[in-house]
């Protein structure tokens, strides 16, 4: 784990919400007090994803730290369209269903990520008020 990889992971944990690569680049520049090229941060993100420490939320083009990096699991994200918060949930039933459907199609899945967009309880309550 290089210093930059560790810094990117720390920043993701500190942000507490899905964070885009360019926002991470700016945060690293501020912390390091020196310019950081985009490919450098992208390489760090790809390494962290390969290690199972970070997931990419495709619909937001953003990254989050994995809630359970010690276990290999399918990613199921609930994403609030109001505040952009996300929650990662593990549900082996969904992974099983996806595997069954893939087998029926003769499809070999290499990565499974499910994203559900909606409103978190706080935003839904504020919207109703």
N, C-alpha and C. Protein backbone atom coordinates (compact mmCIF):
# COMPACT_ATOMS: atom_id res chain seq x y z
N UNK A 1 0.86 -1.18 0.00
CA UNK A 1 0.00 0.00 0.00
C UNK A 1 0.90 1.24 0.00
N UNK A 2 0.88 1.95 -1.11
CA UNK A 2 1.68 3.18 -1.18
C UNK A 2 1.01 4.29 -0.38
N UNK A 3 1.75 5.34 -0.14
CA UNK A 3 1.21 6.48 0.61
C UNK A 3 0.02 7.09 -0.12
N UNK A 4 0.10 7.19 -1.44
CA UNK A 4 -1.02 7.78 -2.20
C UNK A 4 -2.26 6.89 -2.15
N UNK A 5 -2.08 5.61 -2.29
CA UNK A 5 -3.23 4.69 -2.21
C UNK A 5 -3.90 4.80 -0.83
N UNK A 6 -3.08 4.84 0.19
CA UNK A 6 -3.60 4.98 1.55
C UNK A 6 -4.35 6.30 1.71
N UNK A 7 -3.80 7.38 1.17
CA UNK A 7 -4.43 8.69 1.25
C UNK A 7 -5.78 8.69 0.54
N UNK A 8 -5.85 8.11 -0.65
CA UNK A 8 -7.11 8.05 -1.41
C UNK A 8 -8.16 7.27 -0.61
N UNK A 9 -7.76 6.14 -0.04
CA UNK A 9 -8.70 5.36 0.77
C UNK A 9 -9.16 6.14 2.00
N UNK A 10 -8.24 6.82 2.66
CA UNK A 10 -8.61 7.65 3.82
C UNK A 10 -9.59 8.75 3.44
N UNK A 11 -9.34 9.38 2.29
CA UNK A 11 -10.23 10.45 1.82
C UNK A 11 -11.62 9.92 1.54
N UNK A 12 -11.70 8.75 0.93
CA UNK A 12 -13.02 8.16 0.66
C UNK A 12 -13.76 7.88 1.96
N UNK A 13 -13.08 7.34 2.96
CA UNK A 13 -13.73 7.09 4.25
C UNK A 13 -14.16 8.39 4.90
N UNK A 14 -13.32 9.42 4.79
CA UNK A 14 -13.63 10.71 5.42
C UNK A 14 -14.80 11.41 4.75
N UNK A 15 -14.92 11.26 3.42
CA UNK A 15 -16.02 11.92 2.70
C UNK A 15 -17.37 11.36 3.13
N UNK A 16 -17.44 10.06 3.34
CA UNK A 16 -18.69 9.47 3.80
C UNK A 16 -19.81 9.44 2.78
N UNK A 17 -19.48 9.62 1.51
CA UNK A 17 -20.47 9.60 0.44
C UNK A 17 -19.73 9.25 -0.85
N UNK A 18 -20.44 8.85 -1.89
CA UNK A 18 -19.77 8.58 -3.16
C UNK A 18 -19.01 9.81 -3.63
N UNK A 19 -17.77 9.59 -4.05
CA UNK A 19 -16.90 10.70 -4.40
C UNK A 19 -16.27 10.45 -5.77
N UNK A 20 -16.35 11.46 -6.63
CA UNK A 20 -15.78 11.37 -7.97
C UNK A 20 -14.26 11.48 -7.94
N UNK A 21 -13.64 10.97 -9.00
CA UNK A 21 -12.19 10.96 -9.09
C UNK A 21 -11.60 12.38 -9.06
N UNK A 22 -12.24 13.31 -9.75
CA UNK A 22 -11.68 14.66 -9.77
C UNK A 22 -11.82 15.36 -8.43
N UNK A 23 -12.84 15.03 -7.68
CA UNK A 23 -12.95 15.57 -6.33
C UNK A 23 -11.84 14.98 -5.45
N UNK A 24 -11.53 13.72 -5.66
CA UNK A 24 -10.42 13.10 -4.93
C UNK A 24 -9.08 13.72 -5.33
N UNK A 25 -8.92 13.99 -6.61
CA UNK A 25 -7.68 14.63 -7.09
C UNK A 25 -7.48 15.96 -6.39
N UNK A 26 -8.53 16.78 -6.32
CA UNK A 26 -8.43 18.08 -5.64
C UNK A 26 -8.13 17.91 -4.15
N UNK A 27 -8.75 16.93 -3.52
CA UNK A 27 -8.51 16.70 -2.08
C UNK A 27 -7.07 16.24 -1.84
N UNK A 28 -6.54 15.39 -2.71
CA UNK A 28 -5.15 14.95 -2.57
C UNK A 28 -4.21 16.14 -2.76
N UNK A 29 -4.50 16.98 -3.75
CA UNK A 29 -3.66 18.17 -3.98
C UNK A 29 -3.62 19.05 -2.74
N UNK A 30 -4.78 19.24 -2.10
CA UNK A 30 -4.83 20.06 -0.89
C UNK A 30 -4.03 19.43 0.25
N UNK A 31 -4.19 18.13 0.44
CA UNK A 31 -3.49 17.43 1.53
C UNK A 31 -1.99 17.36 1.30
N UNK A 32 -1.60 17.12 0.06
CA UNK A 32 -0.18 16.92 -0.26
C UNK A 32 0.53 18.25 -0.58
N UNK A 33 -0.24 19.30 -0.81
CA UNK A 33 0.31 20.61 -1.19
C UNK A 33 1.20 20.51 -2.42
N UNK A 34 0.78 19.69 -3.36
CA UNK A 34 1.50 19.55 -4.63
C UNK A 34 0.53 19.02 -5.67
N UNK A 35 0.82 19.29 -6.94
CA UNK A 35 -0.07 18.79 -8.00
C UNK A 35 -0.04 17.26 -8.09
N UNK A 36 -1.19 16.70 -8.41
CA UNK A 36 -1.31 15.26 -8.61
C UNK A 36 -2.04 15.04 -9.92
N UNK A 37 -1.45 14.26 -10.80
CA UNK A 37 -2.04 14.03 -12.12
C UNK A 37 -3.20 13.05 -12.01
N UNK A 38 -4.25 13.27 -12.80
CA UNK A 38 -5.39 12.36 -12.78
C UNK A 38 -5.02 10.88 -12.94
N UNK A 39 -4.13 10.52 -13.88
CA UNK A 39 -3.81 9.08 -14.01
C UNK A 39 -3.26 8.47 -12.73
N UNK A 40 -2.58 9.25 -11.93
CA UNK A 40 -2.02 8.75 -10.67
C UNK A 40 -3.14 8.35 -9.72
N UNK A 41 -4.16 9.18 -9.60
CA UNK A 41 -5.29 8.87 -8.71
C UNK A 41 -6.12 7.74 -9.28
N UNK A 42 -6.32 7.72 -10.59
CA UNK A 42 -7.06 6.61 -11.21
C UNK A 42 -6.34 5.28 -10.99
N UNK A 43 -5.01 5.27 -11.10
CA UNK A 43 -4.26 4.03 -10.84
C UNK A 43 -4.45 3.59 -9.39
N UNK A 44 -4.44 4.54 -8.46
CA UNK A 44 -4.67 4.21 -7.05
C UNK A 44 -6.06 3.63 -6.86
N UNK A 45 -7.06 4.22 -7.49
CA UNK A 45 -8.44 3.73 -7.39
C UNK A 45 -8.56 2.32 -7.97
N UNK A 46 -7.94 2.08 -9.12
CA UNK A 46 -8.00 0.75 -9.74
C UNK A 46 -7.34 -0.29 -8.85
N UNK A 47 -6.23 0.06 -8.22
CA UNK A 47 -5.57 -0.86 -7.29
C UNK A 47 -6.49 -1.16 -6.11
N UNK A 48 -7.07 -0.12 -5.53
CA UNK A 48 -7.95 -0.31 -4.37
C UNK A 48 -9.18 -1.14 -4.74
N UNK A 49 -9.71 -0.97 -5.95
CA UNK A 49 -10.84 -1.78 -6.40
C UNK A 49 -10.41 -3.24 -6.57
N UNK A 50 -9.23 -3.45 -7.15
CA UNK A 50 -8.73 -4.82 -7.36
C UNK A 50 -8.52 -5.54 -6.03
N UNK A 51 -8.20 -4.79 -4.99
CA UNK A 51 -7.99 -5.37 -3.66
C UNK A 51 -9.30 -5.55 -2.88
N UNK A 52 -10.41 -5.08 -3.46
CA UNK A 52 -11.70 -5.20 -2.79
C UNK A 52 -11.91 -4.17 -1.69
N UNK A 53 -11.15 -3.08 -1.74
CA UNK A 53 -11.26 -2.04 -0.71
C UNK A 53 -12.19 -0.90 -1.12
N UNK A 54 -12.42 -0.77 -2.42
CA UNK A 54 -13.22 0.33 -2.96
C UNK A 54 -14.13 -0.23 -4.04
N UNK A 55 -15.33 0.33 -4.15
CA UNK A 55 -16.26 -0.01 -5.22
C UNK A 55 -16.57 1.25 -6.02
N UNK A 56 -16.91 1.04 -7.28
CA UNK A 56 -17.32 2.15 -8.13
C UNK A 56 -18.83 2.08 -8.30
N UNK A 57 -19.47 3.21 -8.05
CA UNK A 57 -20.90 3.31 -8.31
C UNK A 57 -21.02 3.88 -9.72
N UNK A 58 -21.39 3.00 -10.63
CA UNK A 58 -21.39 3.34 -12.05
C UNK A 58 -22.30 4.52 -12.38
N UNK A 59 -23.50 4.51 -11.84
CA UNK A 59 -24.48 5.54 -12.20
C UNK A 59 -24.05 6.94 -11.75
N UNK A 60 -23.21 7.02 -10.75
CA UNK A 60 -22.73 8.31 -10.25
C UNK A 60 -21.32 8.63 -10.72
N UNK A 61 -20.67 7.65 -11.35
CA UNK A 61 -19.27 7.79 -11.73
C UNK A 61 -18.46 8.23 -10.50
N UNK A 62 -18.67 7.50 -9.41
CA UNK A 62 -18.05 7.85 -8.14
C UNK A 62 -17.60 6.58 -7.42
N UNK A 63 -16.82 6.77 -6.37
CA UNK A 63 -16.22 5.67 -5.65
C UNK A 63 -16.60 5.74 -4.17
N UNK A 64 -16.68 4.56 -3.56
CA UNK A 64 -16.96 4.46 -2.12
C UNK A 64 -16.08 3.36 -1.55
N UNK A 65 -15.72 3.48 -0.27
CA UNK A 65 -14.99 2.37 0.34
C UNK A 65 -15.94 1.19 0.56
N UNK A 66 -15.44 -0.01 0.43
CA UNK A 66 -16.27 -1.20 0.64
C UNK A 66 -16.59 -1.35 2.12
N UNK A 67 -17.84 -1.66 2.40
CA UNK A 67 -18.27 -1.84 3.78
C UNK A 67 -17.69 -3.10 4.39
N UNK A 68 -17.46 -4.12 3.58
CA UNK A 68 -16.94 -5.40 4.08
C UNK A 68 -15.79 -5.89 3.19
N UNK A 69 -14.65 -5.21 3.25
CA UNK A 69 -13.55 -5.59 2.35
C UNK A 69 -12.95 -6.96 2.67
N UNK A 70 -13.23 -7.48 3.86
CA UNK A 70 -12.66 -8.77 4.24
C UNK A 70 -13.37 -9.95 3.57
N UNK A 71 -14.52 -9.68 2.95
CA UNK A 71 -15.29 -10.75 2.31
C UNK A 71 -15.51 -10.44 0.83
N UNK A 72 -15.43 -11.46 0.01
CA UNK A 72 -15.78 -11.32 -1.39
C UNK A 72 -17.30 -11.39 -1.49
N UNK A 73 -17.91 -10.37 -2.04
CA UNK A 73 -19.37 -10.32 -2.11
C UNK A 73 -19.83 -9.47 -3.28
N UNK A 74 -21.07 -9.66 -3.66
CA UNK A 74 -21.67 -8.81 -4.69
C UNK A 74 -22.02 -7.47 -4.06
N UNK A 75 -21.91 -6.42 -4.83
CA UNK A 75 -22.22 -5.09 -4.32
C UNK A 75 -23.67 -4.73 -4.64
N UNK A 76 -24.39 -4.36 -3.63
CA UNK A 76 -25.77 -3.90 -3.76
C UNK A 76 -25.82 -2.52 -3.09
N UNK A 77 -26.04 -1.48 -3.91
CA UNK A 77 -26.04 -0.12 -3.40
C UNK A 77 -27.43 0.50 -3.48
N UNK A 78 -27.81 1.15 -2.41
CA UNK A 78 -29.01 1.99 -2.40
C UNK A 78 -28.49 3.42 -2.41
N UNK A 79 -28.89 4.19 -3.42
CA UNK A 79 -28.35 5.53 -3.63
C UNK A 79 -29.47 6.55 -3.56
N UNK A 80 -29.30 7.55 -2.71
CA UNK A 80 -30.30 8.60 -2.57
C UNK A 80 -30.10 9.65 -3.66
N UNK A 81 -31.15 9.91 -4.42
CA UNK A 81 -31.06 10.92 -5.47
C UNK A 81 -31.12 12.33 -4.89
N UNK A 82 -31.51 12.45 -3.63
CA UNK A 82 -31.57 13.76 -2.99
C UNK A 82 -30.22 14.22 -2.46
N UNK A 83 -29.64 13.44 -1.56
CA UNK A 83 -28.39 13.84 -0.90
C UNK A 83 -27.17 13.09 -1.42
N UNK A 84 -27.36 12.16 -2.34
CA UNK A 84 -26.30 11.36 -2.95
C UNK A 84 -25.63 10.39 -1.97
N UNK A 85 -26.22 10.19 -0.82
CA UNK A 85 -25.67 9.20 0.11
C UNK A 85 -25.89 7.81 -0.47
N UNK A 86 -25.02 6.89 -0.09
CA UNK A 86 -25.20 5.51 -0.54
C UNK A 86 -25.00 4.57 0.64
N UNK A 87 -25.68 3.46 0.56
CA UNK A 87 -25.54 2.41 1.57
C UNK A 87 -25.27 1.11 0.82
N UNK A 88 -24.23 0.40 1.25
CA UNK A 88 -23.91 -0.90 0.66
C UNK A 88 -24.56 -1.98 1.51
N UNK A 89 -25.20 -2.91 0.84
CA UNK A 89 -25.88 -3.99 1.55
C UNK A 89 -25.41 -5.31 0.97
N UNK A 90 -25.24 -6.28 1.83
CA UNK A 90 -24.93 -7.63 1.38
C UNK A 90 -26.17 -8.48 1.49
N UNK A 91 -26.54 -9.12 0.41
CA UNK A 91 -27.68 -10.03 0.43
C UNK A 91 -27.34 -11.20 -0.50
N UNK A 92 -26.90 -12.31 0.07
CA UNK A 92 -26.50 -13.44 -0.76
C UNK A 92 -27.62 -13.98 -1.63
N UNK A 93 -28.88 -13.71 -1.27
CA UNK A 93 -30.00 -14.17 -2.10
C UNK A 93 -29.93 -13.53 -3.48
N UNK A 94 -29.57 -12.26 -3.53
CA UNK A 94 -29.51 -11.56 -4.82
C UNK A 94 -28.38 -12.13 -5.66
N UNK A 95 -27.24 -12.36 -5.03
CA UNK A 95 -26.12 -12.98 -5.75
C UNK A 95 -26.50 -14.34 -6.31
N UNK A 96 -27.24 -15.11 -5.51
CA UNK A 96 -27.69 -16.42 -5.96
C UNK A 96 -28.63 -16.33 -7.15
N UNK A 97 -29.56 -15.40 -7.08
CA UNK A 97 -30.51 -15.21 -8.19
C UNK A 97 -29.78 -14.78 -9.47
N UNK A 98 -28.84 -13.88 -9.33
CA UNK A 98 -28.08 -13.43 -10.50
C UNK A 98 -27.27 -14.58 -11.10
N UNK A 99 -26.68 -15.40 -10.24
CA UNK A 99 -25.90 -16.55 -10.72
C UNK A 99 -26.81 -17.55 -11.45
N UNK A 100 -28.00 -17.79 -10.91
CA UNK A 100 -28.95 -18.70 -11.56
C UNK A 100 -29.36 -18.17 -12.93
N UNK A 101 -29.70 -16.89 -12.98
CA UNK A 101 -30.11 -16.30 -14.26
C UNK A 101 -28.96 -16.33 -15.27
N UNK A 102 -27.77 -16.06 -14.82
CA UNK A 102 -26.60 -16.10 -15.71
C UNK A 102 -26.40 -17.52 -16.26
N UNK A 103 -26.55 -18.52 -15.39
CA UNK A 103 -26.37 -19.91 -15.82
C UNK A 103 -27.40 -20.30 -16.87
N UNK A 104 -28.65 -19.86 -16.69
CA UNK A 104 -29.70 -20.16 -17.67
C UNK A 104 -29.32 -19.58 -19.03
N UNK A 105 -28.72 -18.41 -19.03
CA UNK A 105 -28.34 -17.75 -20.28
C UNK A 105 -27.00 -18.24 -20.83
N UNK A 106 -26.30 -19.05 -20.03
CA UNK A 106 -24.97 -19.48 -20.44
C UNK A 106 -23.97 -18.34 -20.34
N UNK A 107 -24.26 -17.41 -19.45
CA UNK A 107 -23.46 -16.19 -19.29
C UNK A 107 -22.50 -16.36 -18.11
N UNK A 108 -21.27 -15.94 -18.27
CA UNK A 108 -20.30 -16.00 -17.19
C UNK A 108 -20.08 -14.58 -16.67
N UNK A 109 -20.60 -14.30 -15.50
CA UNK A 109 -20.46 -12.96 -14.91
C UNK A 109 -19.09 -12.83 -14.26
N UNK A 110 -18.43 -11.71 -14.50
CA UNK A 110 -17.13 -11.47 -13.88
C UNK A 110 -17.22 -10.45 -12.75
N UNK A 111 -18.28 -9.65 -12.76
CA UNK A 111 -18.48 -8.67 -11.70
C UNK A 111 -19.96 -8.38 -11.63
N UNK A 112 -20.48 -8.30 -10.40
CA UNK A 112 -21.91 -8.03 -10.24
C UNK A 112 -22.09 -6.86 -9.28
N UNK A 113 -22.71 -5.82 -9.79
CA UNK A 113 -23.04 -4.65 -8.99
C UNK A 113 -24.48 -4.27 -9.28
N UNK A 114 -25.27 -4.10 -8.23
CA UNK A 114 -26.66 -3.70 -8.39
C UNK A 114 -26.82 -2.34 -7.73
N UNK A 115 -27.41 -1.40 -8.45
CA UNK A 115 -27.62 -0.05 -7.92
C UNK A 115 -29.12 0.25 -7.92
N UNK A 116 -29.62 0.67 -6.77
CA UNK A 116 -31.02 1.03 -6.63
C UNK A 116 -31.08 2.50 -6.26
N UNK A 117 -31.70 3.31 -7.10
CA UNK A 117 -31.79 4.75 -6.83
C UNK A 117 -33.17 5.07 -6.28
N UNK A 118 -33.18 5.97 -5.33
CA UNK A 118 -34.43 6.39 -4.71
C UNK A 118 -34.15 7.49 -3.70
N UNK A 119 -34.93 7.53 -2.65
CA UNK A 119 -34.78 8.57 -1.62
C UNK A 119 -34.52 7.92 -0.27
N UNK A 120 -33.54 8.42 0.45
CA UNK A 120 -33.30 7.94 1.80
C UNK A 120 -34.45 8.46 2.70
N UNK A 121 -34.55 7.89 3.87
CA UNK A 121 -35.65 8.26 4.78
C UNK A 121 -35.64 9.76 5.09
N UNK A 122 -34.47 10.33 5.32
CA UNK A 122 -34.36 11.75 5.66
C UNK A 122 -34.83 12.64 4.50
N UNK A 123 -34.37 12.33 3.29
CA UNK A 123 -34.77 13.14 2.13
C UNK A 123 -36.24 12.95 1.80
N UNK A 124 -36.77 11.73 1.95
CA UNK A 124 -38.18 11.48 1.69
C UNK A 124 -39.05 12.25 2.69
N UNK A 125 -38.61 12.28 3.93
CA UNK A 125 -39.35 13.01 4.96
C UNK A 125 -39.33 14.52 4.66
N UNK A 126 -38.16 15.03 4.28
CA UNK A 126 -38.04 16.47 3.97
C UNK A 126 -38.88 16.80 2.74
N UNK A 127 -38.93 15.90 1.78
CA UNK A 127 -39.72 16.12 0.56
C UNK A 127 -41.22 16.14 0.86
N UNK A 128 -41.62 15.32 1.80
CA UNK A 128 -43.05 15.26 2.14
C UNK A 128 -43.51 16.47 2.95
N UNK A 129 -42.57 17.11 3.64
CA UNK A 129 -42.93 18.24 4.51
C UNK A 129 -43.20 19.50 3.75
